[in-house]
Amino acid sequence: MAICPKNKSSKGRRDKRRANWKMTAPTLVKCSKCSKLMVPHRVCKACGAYNKREIISVD
Protein backbone atom coordinates (compact mmCIF):
# COMPACT_ATOMS: atom_id res chain seq x y z
CA MET A 1 0.00 0.00 0.00
CA ALA A 2 1.17 3.50 -0.79
CA ILE A 3 1.31 6.34 1.71
CA CYS A 4 -1.88 8.38 1.52
CA PRO A 5 -2.32 11.80 3.19
CA LYS A 6 -5.10 11.90 5.78
CA ASN A 7 -6.11 15.50 5.00
CA LYS A 8 -5.48 17.94 2.15
CA SER A 9 -2.54 20.32 2.66
CA SER A 10 -3.43 23.89 1.78
CA LYS A 11 -1.36 25.87 -0.73
CA GLY A 12 -0.13 28.16 2.02
CA ARG A 13 1.09 25.30 4.20
CA ARG A 14 2.73 23.63 1.20
CA ASP A 15 4.45 26.85 0.12
CA LYS A 16 5.67 27.60 3.66
CA ARG A 17 7.38 24.22 3.69
CA ARG A 18 9.05 24.93 0.35
CA ALA A 19 10.10 28.50 1.24
CA ASN A 20 13.50 27.45 2.60
CA TRP A 21 14.44 25.41 -0.48
CA LYS A 22 16.44 27.90 -2.50
CA MET A 23 19.70 28.24 -4.37
CA THR A 24 22.70 29.92 -2.75
CA ALA A 25 25.69 31.43 -4.48
CA PRO A 26 28.88 29.40 -4.06
CA THR A 27 31.33 30.70 -1.45
CA LEU A 28 34.51 32.00 -3.05
CA VAL A 29 37.84 32.86 -1.43
CA LYS A 30 41.11 34.26 -2.79
CA CYS A 31 43.83 31.76 -3.62
CA SER A 32 46.77 32.19 -1.24
CA LYS A 33 49.26 31.79 -4.10
CA CYS A 34 47.80 33.60 -7.13
CA SER A 35 44.95 35.63 -5.50
CA LYS A 36 42.31 34.40 -7.96
CA LEU A 37 38.83 33.47 -6.70
CA MET A 38 38.35 29.79 -5.97
CA VAL A 39 36.07 27.45 -4.03
CA PRO A 40 37.50 26.88 -0.52
CA HIS A 41 39.19 23.55 0.30
CA ARG A 42 39.74 22.75 -3.39
CA VAL A 43 42.77 22.92 -5.69
CA CYS A 44 42.97 26.29 -7.47
CA LYS A 45 42.11 25.91 -11.16
CA ALA A 46 44.30 28.86 -12.14
CA CYS A 47 47.62 27.84 -10.56
CA GLY A 48 47.03 24.27 -9.33
CA ALA A 49 47.97 25.10 -5.72
CA TYR A 50 46.38 24.00 -2.46
CA ASN A 51 47.51 25.38 0.89
CA LYS A 52 50.38 27.32 -0.79
CA ARG A 53 51.78 24.13 -2.35
CA GLU A 54 51.61 23.17 -6.03
CA ILE A 55 49.54 20.00 -6.28
CA ILE A 56 48.95 19.78 -10.03
CA SER A 57 50.82 21.43 -12.86
CA VAL A 58 48.74 23.83 -14.94
CA ASP A 59 49.96 24.62 -18.44
PDB file of N, CA and C in Angstrom:
ATOM      1  N   MET A   1       0.827  -1.191   0.000  1.00  0.00           N
ATOM      2  CA  MET A   1       0.000   0.000   0.000  1.00  0.00           C
ATOM      3  C   MET A   1       0.863   1.244   0.000  1.00  0.00           C
ATOM      4  N   ALA A   2       0.435   2.235  -0.723  1.00  0.00           N
ATOM      5  CA  ALA A   2       1.169   3.495  -0.788  1.00  0.00           C
ATOM      6  C   ALA A   2       0.762   4.408   0.366  1.00  0.00           C
ATOM      7  N   ILE A   3       1.626   5.362   0.662  1.00  0.00           N
ATOM      8  CA  ILE A   3       1.312   6.342   1.706  1.00  0.00           C
ATOM      9  C   ILE A   3       0.265   7.302   1.164  1.00  0.00           C
ATOM     10  N   CYS A   4      -0.779   7.539   1.952  1.00  0.00           N
ATOM     11  CA  CYS A   4      -1.882   8.383   1.520  1.00  0.00           C
ATOM     12  C   CYS A   4      -2.110   9.462   2.577  1.00  0.00           C
ATOM     13  N   PRO A   5      -2.098  10.758   2.190  1.00  0.00           N
ATOM     14  CA  PRO A   5      -2.315  11.801   3.190  1.00  0.00           C
ATOM     15  C   PRO A   5      -3.720  11.733   3.780  1.00  0.00           C
ATOM     16  N   LYS A   6      -3.813  11.954   5.090  1.00  0.00           N
ATOM     17  CA  LYS A   6      -5.101  11.898   5.781  1.00  0.00           C
ATOM     18  C   LYS A   6      -5.981  13.089   5.381  1.00  0.00           C
ATOM     19  N   ASN A   7      -5.379  14.288   5.359  1.00  0.00           N
ATOM     20  CA  ASN A   7      -6.115  15.500   5.002  1.00  0.00           C
ATOM     21  C   ASN A   7      -5.369  16.260   3.916  1.00  0.00           C
ATOM     22  N   LYS A   8      -6.089  17.136   3.204  1.00  0.00           N
ATOM     23  CA  LYS A   8      -5.475  17.940   2.145  1.00  0.00           C
ATOM     24  C   LYS A   8      -4.614  19.034   2.770  1.00  0.00           C
ATOM     25  N   SER A   9      -3.397  19.217   2.233  1.00  0.00           N
ATOM     26  CA  SER A   9      -2.544  20.320   2.663  1.00  0.00           C
ATOM     27  C   SER A   9      -2.885  21.542   1.826  1.00  0.00           C
ATOM     28  N   SER A  10      -3.080  22.672   2.499  1.00  0.00           N
ATOM     29  CA  SER A  10      -3.426  23.893   1.776  1.00  0.00           C
ATOM     30  C   SER A  10      -2.213  24.408   1.009  1.00  0.00           C
ATOM     31  N   LYS A  11      -2.457  25.312   0.063  1.00  0.00           N
ATOM     32  CA  LYS A  11      -1.362  25.868  -0.735  1.00  0.00           C
ATOM     33  C   LYS A  11      -0.412  26.680   0.139  1.00  0.00           C
ATOM     34  N   GLY A  12      -0.968  27.374   1.119  1.00  0.00           N
ATOM     35  CA  GLY A  12      -0.132  28.161   2.023  1.00  0.00           C
ATOM     36  C   GLY A  12       0.797  27.295   2.852  1.00  0.00           C
ATOM     37  N   ARG A  13       0.274  26.208   3.392  1.00  0.00           N
ATOM     38  CA  ARG A  13       1.092  25.299   4.196  1.00  0.00           C
ATOM     39  C   ARG A  13       2.158  24.633   3.333  1.00  0.00           C
ATOM     40  N   ARG A  14       1.781  24.253   2.122  1.00  0.00           N
ATOM     41  CA  ARG A  14       2.734  23.630   1.203  1.00  0.00           C
ATOM     42  C   ARG A  14       3.840  24.618   0.837  1.00  0.00           C
ATOM     43  N   ASP A  15       3.467  25.863   0.542  1.00  0.00           N
ATOM     44  CA  ASP A  15       4.452  26.849   0.124  1.00  0.00           C
ATOM     45  C   ASP A  15       5.355  27.291   1.279  1.00  0.00           C
ATOM     46  N   LYS A  16       4.837  27.284   2.498  1.00  0.00           N
ATOM     47  CA  LYS A  16       5.671  27.598   3.662  1.00  0.00           C
ATOM     48  C   LYS A  16       6.760  26.545   3.832  1.00  0.00           C
ATOM     49  N   ARG A  17       6.422  25.314   3.577  1.00  0.00           N
ATOM     50  CA  ARG A  17       7.385  24.217   3.694  1.00  0.00           C
ATOM     51  C   ARG A  17       8.466  24.346   2.623  1.00  0.00           C
ATOM     52  N   ARG A  18       8.093  24.812   1.461  1.00  0.00           N
ATOM     53  CA  ARG A  18       9.047  24.931   0.350  1.00  0.00           C
ATOM     54  C   ARG A  18       9.803  26.255   0.337  1.00  0.00           C
ATOM     55  N   ALA A  19       9.500  27.163   1.261  1.00  0.00           N
ATOM     56  CA  ALA A  19      10.098  28.498   1.241  1.00  0.00           C
ATOM     57  C   ALA A  19      11.597  28.475   1.499  1.00  0.00           C
ATOM     58  N   ASN A  20      12.087  27.494   2.252  1.00  0.00           N
ATOM     59  CA  ASN A  20      13.498  27.449   2.601  1.00  0.00           C
ATOM     60  C   ASN A  20      14.339  26.691   1.580  1.00  0.00           C
ATOM     61  N   TRP A  21      13.720  26.161   0.546  1.00  0.00           N
ATOM     62  CA  TRP A  21      14.444  25.409  -0.485  1.00  0.00           C
ATOM     63  C   TRP A  21      14.826  26.364  -1.597  1.00  0.00           C
ATOM     64  N   LYS A  22      16.028  26.919  -1.509  1.00  0.00           N
ATOM     65  CA  LYS A  22      16.442  27.899  -2.504  1.00  0.00           C
ATOM     66  C   LYS A  22      17.923  27.755  -2.813  1.00  0.00           C
ATOM     67  N   MET A  23      18.305  28.298  -3.930  1.00  0.00           N
ATOM     68  CA  MET A  23      19.695  28.245  -4.365  1.00  0.00           C
ATOM     69  C   MET A  23      20.507  29.273  -3.587  1.00  0.00           C
ATOM     70  N   THR A  24      21.774  28.963  -3.344  1.00  0.00           N
ATOM     71  CA  THR A  24      22.698  29.917  -2.745  1.00  0.00           C
ATOM     72  C   THR A  24      23.922  30.030  -3.648  1.00  0.00           C
ATOM     73  N   ALA A  25      24.492  31.209  -3.672  1.00  0.00           N
ATOM     74  CA  ALA A  25      25.685  31.429  -4.478  1.00  0.00           C
ATOM     75  C   ALA A  25      26.853  30.693  -3.839  1.00  0.00           C
ATOM     76  N   PRO A  26      27.754  30.116  -4.648  1.00  0.00           N
ATOM     77  CA  PRO A  26      28.883  29.402  -4.058  1.00  0.00           C
ATOM     78  C   PRO A  26      29.816  30.360  -3.325  1.00  0.00           C
ATOM     79  N   THR A  27      30.382  29.901  -2.218  1.00  0.00           N
ATOM     80  CA  THR A  27      31.328  30.703  -1.455  1.00  0.00           C
ATOM     81  C   THR A  27      32.667  30.701  -2.185  1.00  0.00           C
ATOM     82  N   LEU A  28      33.232  31.885  -2.363  1.00  0.00           N
ATOM     83  CA  LEU A  28      34.511  31.999  -3.045  1.00  0.00           C
ATOM     84  C   LEU A  28      35.519  32.698  -2.145  1.00  0.00           C
ATOM     85  N   VAL A  29      36.751  32.245  -2.178  1.00  0.00           N
ATOM     86  CA  VAL A  29      37.840  32.859  -1.426  1.00  0.00           C
ATOM     87  C   VAL A  29      39.001  33.109  -2.384  1.00  0.00           C
ATOM     88  N   LYS A  30      39.935  33.985  -1.969  1.00  0.00           N
ATOM     89  CA  LYS A  30      41.112  34.261  -2.789  1.00  0.00           C
ATOM     90  C   LYS A  30      42.141  33.157  -2.597  1.00  0.00           C
ATOM     91  N   CYS A  31      42.752  32.740  -3.685  1.00  0.00           N
ATOM     92  CA  CYS A  31      43.833  31.760  -3.624  1.00  0.00           C
ATOM     93  C   CYS A  31      45.021  32.397  -2.906  1.00  0.00           C
ATOM     94  N   SER A  32      45.656  31.650  -2.012  1.00  0.00           N
ATOM     95  CA  SER A  32      46.772  32.192  -1.242  1.00  0.00           C
ATOM     96  C   SER A  32      48.035  32.364  -2.090  1.00  0.00           C
ATOM     97  N   LYS A  33      48.071  31.713  -3.256  1.00  0.00           N
ATOM     98  CA  LYS A  33      49.261  31.794  -4.099  1.00  0.00           C
ATOM     99  C   LYS A  33      49.112  32.799  -5.238  1.00  0.00           C
ATOM    100  N   CYS A  34      47.963  32.730  -5.959  1.00  0.00           N
ATOM    101  CA  CYS A  34      47.802  33.603  -7.127  1.00  0.00           C
ATOM    102  C   CYS A  34      46.710  34.663  -6.952  1.00  0.00           C
ATOM    103  N   SER A  35      45.998  34.651  -5.836  1.00  0.00           N
ATOM    104  CA  SER A  35      44.948  35.630  -5.496  1.00  0.00           C
ATOM    105  C   SER A  35      43.741  35.614  -6.421  1.00  0.00           C
ATOM    106  N   LYS A  36      43.526  34.539  -7.154  1.00  0.00           N
ATOM    107  CA  LYS A  36      42.306  34.403  -7.962  1.00  0.00           C
ATOM    108  C   LYS A  36      41.215  33.798  -7.090  1.00  0.00           C
ATOM    109  N   LEU A  37      39.942  34.023  -7.465  1.00  0.00           N
ATOM    110  CA  LEU A  37      38.829  33.473  -6.702  1.00  0.00           C
ATOM    111  C   LEU A  37      38.710  31.979  -6.956  1.00  0.00           C
ATOM    112  N   MET A  38      38.469  31.233  -5.876  1.00  0.00           N
ATOM    113  CA  MET A  38      38.351  29.786  -5.972  1.00  0.00           C
ATOM    114  C   MET A  38      37.397  29.287  -4.885  1.00  0.00           C
ATOM    115  N   VAL A  39      36.913  28.073  -5.035  1.00  0.00           N
ATOM    116  CA  VAL A  39      36.067  27.448  -4.030  1.00  0.00           C
ATOM    117  C   VAL A  39      36.973  26.993  -2.883  1.00  0.00           C
ATOM    118  N   PRO A  40      36.612  27.266  -1.627  1.00  0.00           N
ATOM    119  CA  PRO A  40      37.500  26.879  -0.524  1.00  0.00           C
ATOM    120  C   PRO A  40      37.674  25.366  -0.400  1.00  0.00           C
ATOM    121  N   HIS A  41      38.824  24.958   0.079  1.00  0.00           N
ATOM    122  CA  HIS A  41      39.191  23.548   0.299  1.00  0.00           C
ATOM    123  C   HIS A  41      39.241  22.744  -0.998  1.00  0.00           C
ATOM    124  N   ARG A  42      39.571  23.413  -2.099  1.00  0.00           N
ATOM    125  CA  ARG A  42      39.744  22.749  -3.394  1.00  0.00           C
ATOM    126  C   ARG A  42      41.053  23.240  -4.004  1.00  0.00           C
ATOM    127  N   VAL A  43      41.570  22.504  -4.969  1.00  0.00           N
ATOM    128  CA  VAL A  43      42.768  22.922  -5.690  1.00  0.00           C
ATOM    129  C   VAL A  43      42.386  24.088  -6.603  1.00  0.00           C
ATOM    130  N   CYS A  44      43.212  25.115  -6.633  1.00  0.00           N
ATOM    131  CA  CYS A  44      42.966  26.293  -7.470  1.00  0.00           C
ATOM    132  C   CYS A  44      43.080  25.887  -8.939  1.00  0.00           C
ATOM    133  N   LYS A  45      42.085  26.263  -9.744  1.00  0.00           N
ATOM    134  CA  LYS A  45      42.106  25.910 -11.163  1.00  0.00           C
ATOM    135  C   LYS A  45      43.081  26.777 -11.950  1.00  0.00           C
ATOM    136  N   ALA A  46      43.406  27.952 -11.421  1.00  0.00           N
ATOM    137  CA  ALA A  46      44.299  28.865 -12.144  1.00  0.00           C
ATOM    138  C   ALA A  46      45.766  28.460 -12.002  1.00  0.00           C
ATOM    139  N   CYS A  47      46.195  28.133 -10.771  1.00  0.00           N
ATOM    140  CA  CYS A  47      47.616  27.839 -10.556  1.00  0.00           C
ATOM    141  C   CYS A  47      47.877  26.405 -10.093  1.00  0.00           C
ATOM    142  N   GLY A  48      46.847  25.660  -9.740  1.00  0.00           N
ATOM    143  CA  GLY A  48      47.026  24.272  -9.325  1.00  0.00           C
ATOM    144  C   GLY A  48      47.571  24.113  -7.918  1.00  0.00           C
ATOM    145  N   ALA A  49      47.421  25.144  -7.078  1.00  0.00           N
ATOM    146  CA  ALA A  49      47.969  25.101  -5.723  1.00  0.00           C
ATOM    147  C   ALA A  49      46.864  24.836  -4.712  1.00  0.00           C
ATOM    148  N   TYR A  50      47.254  24.196  -3.608  1.00  0.00           N
ATOM    149  CA  TYR A  50      46.377  23.998  -2.456  1.00  0.00           C
ATOM    150  C   TYR A  50      47.214  24.193  -1.212  1.00  0.00           C
ATOM    151  N   ASN A  51      46.801  25.084  -0.342  1.00  0.00           N
ATOM    152  CA  ASN A  51      47.511  25.384   0.893  1.00  0.00           C
ATOM    153  C   ASN A  51      48.947  25.828   0.612  1.00  0.00           C
ATOM    154  N   LYS A  52      49.096  26.726  -0.369  1.00  0.00           N
ATOM    155  CA  LYS A  52      50.375  27.322  -0.785  1.00  0.00           C
ATOM    156  C   LYS A  52      51.368  26.330  -1.378  1.00  0.00           C
ATOM    157  N   ARG A  53      50.910  25.123  -1.713  1.00  0.00           N
ATOM    158  CA  ARG A  53      51.778  24.132  -2.345  1.00  0.00           C
ATOM    159  C   ARG A  53      51.214  23.771  -3.709  1.00  0.00           C
ATOM    160  N   GLU A  54      52.065  23.565  -4.683  1.00  0.00           N
ATOM    161  CA  GLU A  54      51.609  23.172  -6.025  1.00  0.00           C
ATOM    162  C   GLU A  54      51.268  21.692  -6.012  1.00  0.00           C
ATOM    163  N   ILE A  55      50.021  21.382  -6.294  1.00  0.00           N
ATOM    164  CA  ILE A  55      49.544  20.003  -6.278  1.00  0.00           C
ATOM    165  C   ILE A  55      49.520  19.430  -7.688  1.00  0.00           C
ATOM    166  N   ILE A  56      48.981  20.206  -8.630  1.00  0.00           N
ATOM    167  CA  ILE A  56      48.950  19.779 -10.031  1.00  0.00           C
ATOM    168  C   ILE A  56      49.611  20.851 -10.877  1.00  0.00           C
ATOM    169  N   SER A  57      50.198  20.444 -11.969  1.00  0.00           N
ATOM    170  CA  SER A  57      50.821  21.428 -12.865  1.00  0.00           C
ATOM    171  C   SER A  57      49.797  21.902 -13.877  1.00  0.00           C
ATOM    172  N   VAL A  58      49.692  23.217 -14.004  1.00  0.00           N
ATOM    173  CA  VAL A  58      48.741  23.828 -14.938  1.00  0.00           C
ATOM    174  C   VAL A  58      49.547  24.453 -16.068  1.00  0.00           C
ATOM    175  N   ASP A  59      49.220  24.078 -17.290  1.00  0.00           N
ATOM    176  CA  ASP A  59      49.962  24.623 -18.444  1.00  0.00           C
ATOM    177  C   ASP A  59      49.460  25.985 -18.842  1.00  0.00           C
TER     178      ASP A  59
END
